Amino acid sequence: MVDQLKECFGAEVREKDGHYMISYGALKQMEISLGPGGKTLVVDTESDTSAPDEVIIDTNKRFRTYLERVTGFSAKERLKKAKKATGE
């Protein structure tokens, strides 16, 4: 999880109580942790809405790459799983 943060974003990773945080591009902060039981990835982000479009595009690409690497699922597969988990 932490190694992929470094690889995908090249940002300094801060850790506090099992939560890992970075700031990069259009992300003022991204916080990653594992949910109860350690099987669910919990991601909380705060966006920088004043970031230029090219920074937003780069950040989004890195974010999607990160999620695919740590979950092993594509964006389409993650959406399908999220819908199933919420009963949609």
C-alpha atoms as a PDB file:
ATOM      1  CA  MET A   1       0.000   0.000   0.000  1.00  0.00           C
ATOM      2  CA  VAL A   2       2.717   2.499   1.004  1.00  0.00           C
ATOM      3  CA  ASP A   3       5.161   1.377  -1.687  1.00  0.00           C
ATOM      4  CA  GLN A   4       2.501   1.921  -4.348  1.00  0.00           C
ATOM      5  CA  LEU A   5       1.810   5.423  -2.992  1.00  0.00           C
ATOM      6  CA  LYS A   6       5.481   6.260  -3.437  1.00  0.00           C
ATOM      7  CA  GLU A   7       5.626   4.660  -6.889  1.00  0.00           C
ATOM      8  CA  CYS A   8       2.438   6.219  -8.252  1.00  0.00           C
ATOM      9  CA  PHE A   9       2.747   9.691  -6.756  1.00  0.00           C
ATOM     10  CA  GLY A  10       6.431  10.131  -5.871  1.00  0.00           C
ATOM     11  CA  ALA A  11       5.290  12.008  -2.779  1.00  0.00           C
ATOM     12  CA  GLU A  12       6.376  11.836   0.829  1.00  0.00           C
ATOM     13  CA  VAL A  13       4.138   9.457   2.756  1.00  0.00           C
ATOM     14  CA  ARG A  14       3.219  10.430   6.303  1.00  0.00           C
ATOM     15  CA  GLU A  15       1.907   7.832   8.750  1.00  0.00           C
ATOM     16  CA  LYS A  16      -0.194   8.254  11.868  1.00  0.00           C
ATOM     17  CA  ASP A  17      -2.026   5.474  13.698  1.00  0.00           C
ATOM     18  CA  GLY A  18      -2.170   3.190  10.645  1.00  0.00           C
ATOM     19  CA  HIS A  19      -3.349   5.960   8.328  1.00  0.00           C
ATOM     20  CA  TYR A  20      -1.089   6.999   5.437  1.00  0.00           C
ATOM     21  CA  MET A  21      -1.314  10.493   3.999  1.00  0.00           C
ATOM     22  CA  ILE A  22       0.112  12.289   0.984  1.00  0.00           C
ATOM     23  CA  SER A  23      -0.355  15.605  -0.776  1.00  0.00           C
ATOM     24  CA  TYR A  24       0.138  15.666  -4.534  1.00  0.00           C
ATOM     25  CA  GLY A  25      -1.015  17.788  -7.466  1.00  0.00           C
ATOM     26  CA  ALA A  26      -4.763  18.358  -7.255  1.00  0.00           C
ATOM     27  CA  LEU A  27      -4.969  16.474  -3.945  1.00  0.00           C
ATOM     28  CA  LYS A  28      -4.579  18.728  -0.940  1.00  0.00           C
ATOM     29  CA  GLN A  29      -4.575  15.495   1.034  1.00  0.00           C
ATOM     30  CA  MET A  30      -5.255  11.839   0.442  1.00  0.00           C
ATOM     31  CA  GLU A  31      -5.581   9.533   3.438  1.00  0.00           C
ATOM     32  CA  ILE A  32      -5.444   5.755   3.062  1.00  0.00           C
ATOM     33  CA  SER A  33      -6.210   3.131   5.689  1.00  0.00           C
ATOM     34  CA  LEU A  34      -7.590  -0.364   5.959  1.00  0.00           C
ATOM     35  CA  GLY A  35     -11.154  -0.858   7.117  1.00  0.00           C
ATOM     36  CA  PRO A  36     -12.314  -3.267   9.813  1.00  0.00           C
ATOM     37  CA  GLY A  37     -10.877  -6.729   9.259  1.00  0.00           C
ATOM     38  CA  GLY A  38      -8.170  -5.309   6.984  1.00  0.00           C
ATOM     39  CA  LYS A  39      -9.941  -6.329   3.769  1.00  0.00           C
ATOM     40  CA  THR A  40     -11.328  -2.955   2.698  1.00  0.00           C
ATOM     41  CA  LEU A  41      -9.263  -0.027   1.470  1.00  0.00           C
ATOM     42  CA  VAL A  42     -10.560   3.269   2.847  1.00  0.00           C
ATOM     43  CA  VAL A  43      -9.576   6.348   0.831  1.00  0.00           C
ATOM     44  CA  ASP A  44     -10.432   9.898   1.869  1.00  0.00           C
ATOM     45  CA  THR A  45      -9.430  12.777  -0.404  1.00  0.00           C
ATOM     46  CA  GLU A  46      -9.516  16.549  -0.268  1.00  0.00           C
ATOM     47  CA  SER A  47      -9.188  18.199  -3.683  1.00  0.00           C
ATOM     48  CA  ASP A  48      -7.499  21.432  -4.659  1.00  0.00           C
ATOM     49  CA  THR A  49     -10.203  22.930  -6.876  1.00  0.00           C
ATOM     50  CA  SER A  50      -7.880  25.726  -7.995  1.00  0.00           C
ATOM     51  CA  ALA A  51      -5.416  23.313  -9.648  1.00  0.00           C
ATOM     52  CA  PRO A  52      -4.925  23.743 -13.415  1.00  0.00           C
ATOM     53  CA  ASP A  53      -6.562  21.195 -15.741  1.00  0.00           C
ATOM     54  CA  GLU A  54      -3.278  19.472 -16.659  1.00  0.00           C
ATOM     55  CA  VAL A  55      -2.493  18.957 -12.954  1.00  0.00           C
ATOM     56  CA  ILE A  56      -5.985  17.556 -12.345  1.00  0.00           C
ATOM     57  CA  ILE A  57      -5.649  15.141 -15.285  1.00  0.00           C
ATOM     58  CA  ASP A  58      -2.217  13.949 -14.104  1.00  0.00           C
ATOM     59  CA  THR A  59      -3.440  13.524 -10.522  1.00  0.00           C
ATOM     60  CA  ASN A  60      -6.540  11.586 -11.620  1.00  0.00           C
ATOM     61  CA  LYS A  61      -4.436   9.269 -13.796  1.00  0.00           C
ATOM     62  CA  ARG A  62      -2.056   8.541 -10.916  1.00  0.00           C
ATOM     63  CA  PHE A  63      -4.985   8.034  -8.531  1.00  0.00           C
ATOM     64  CA  ARG A  64      -6.665   5.494 -10.842  1.00  0.00           C
ATOM     65  CA  THR A  65      -3.338   3.693 -11.358  1.00  0.00           C
ATOM     66  CA  TYR A  66      -2.794   3.563  -7.599  1.00  0.00           C
ATOM     67  CA  LEU A  67      -6.256   2.120  -6.933  1.00  0.00           C
ATOM     68  CA  GLU A  68      -5.838  -0.515  -9.630  1.00  0.00           C
ATOM     69  CA  ARG A  69      -2.460  -1.586  -8.235  1.00  0.00           C
ATOM     70  CA  VAL A  70      -3.561  -1.900  -4.615  1.00  0.00           C
ATOM     71  CA  THR A  71      -6.969  -3.464  -5.272  1.00  0.00           C
ATOM     72  CA  GLY A  72      -6.165  -5.515  -8.363  1.00  0.00           C
ATOM     73  CA  PHE A  73      -9.399  -4.270  -9.944  1.00  0.00           C
ATOM     74  CA  SER A  74      -9.994  -1.884 -12.854  1.00  0.00           C
ATOM     75  CA  ALA A  75     -12.211   1.172 -12.444  1.00  0.00           C
ATOM     76  CA  LYS A  76     -15.101  -0.722 -14.058  1.00  0.00           C
ATOM     77  CA  GLU A  77     -14.648  -3.674 -11.683  1.00  0.00           C
ATOM     78  CA  ARG A  78     -14.419  -1.373  -8.643  1.00  0.00           C
ATOM     79  CA  LEU A  79     -17.657   0.374  -9.661  1.00  0.00           C
ATOM     80  CA  LYS A  80     -19.413  -2.987 -10.040  1.00  0.00           C
ATOM     81  CA  LYS A  81     -18.219  -4.078  -6.575  1.00  0.00           C
ATOM     82  CA  ALA A  82     -19.255  -0.745  -5.014  1.00  0.00           C
ATOM     83  CA  LYS A  83     -22.737  -1.000  -6.503  1.00  0.00           C
ATOM     84  CA  LYS A  84     -23.073  -4.553  -5.237  1.00  0.00           C
ATOM     85  CA  ALA A  85     -21.939  -3.523  -1.736  1.00  0.00           C
ATOM     86  CA  THR A  86     -24.505  -0.698  -1.591  1.00  0.00           C
ATOM     87  CA  GLY A  87     -27.331  -2.799  -3.018  1.00  0.00           C
ATOM     88  CA  GLU A  88     -27.707  -0.892  -6.277  1.00  0.00           C
END
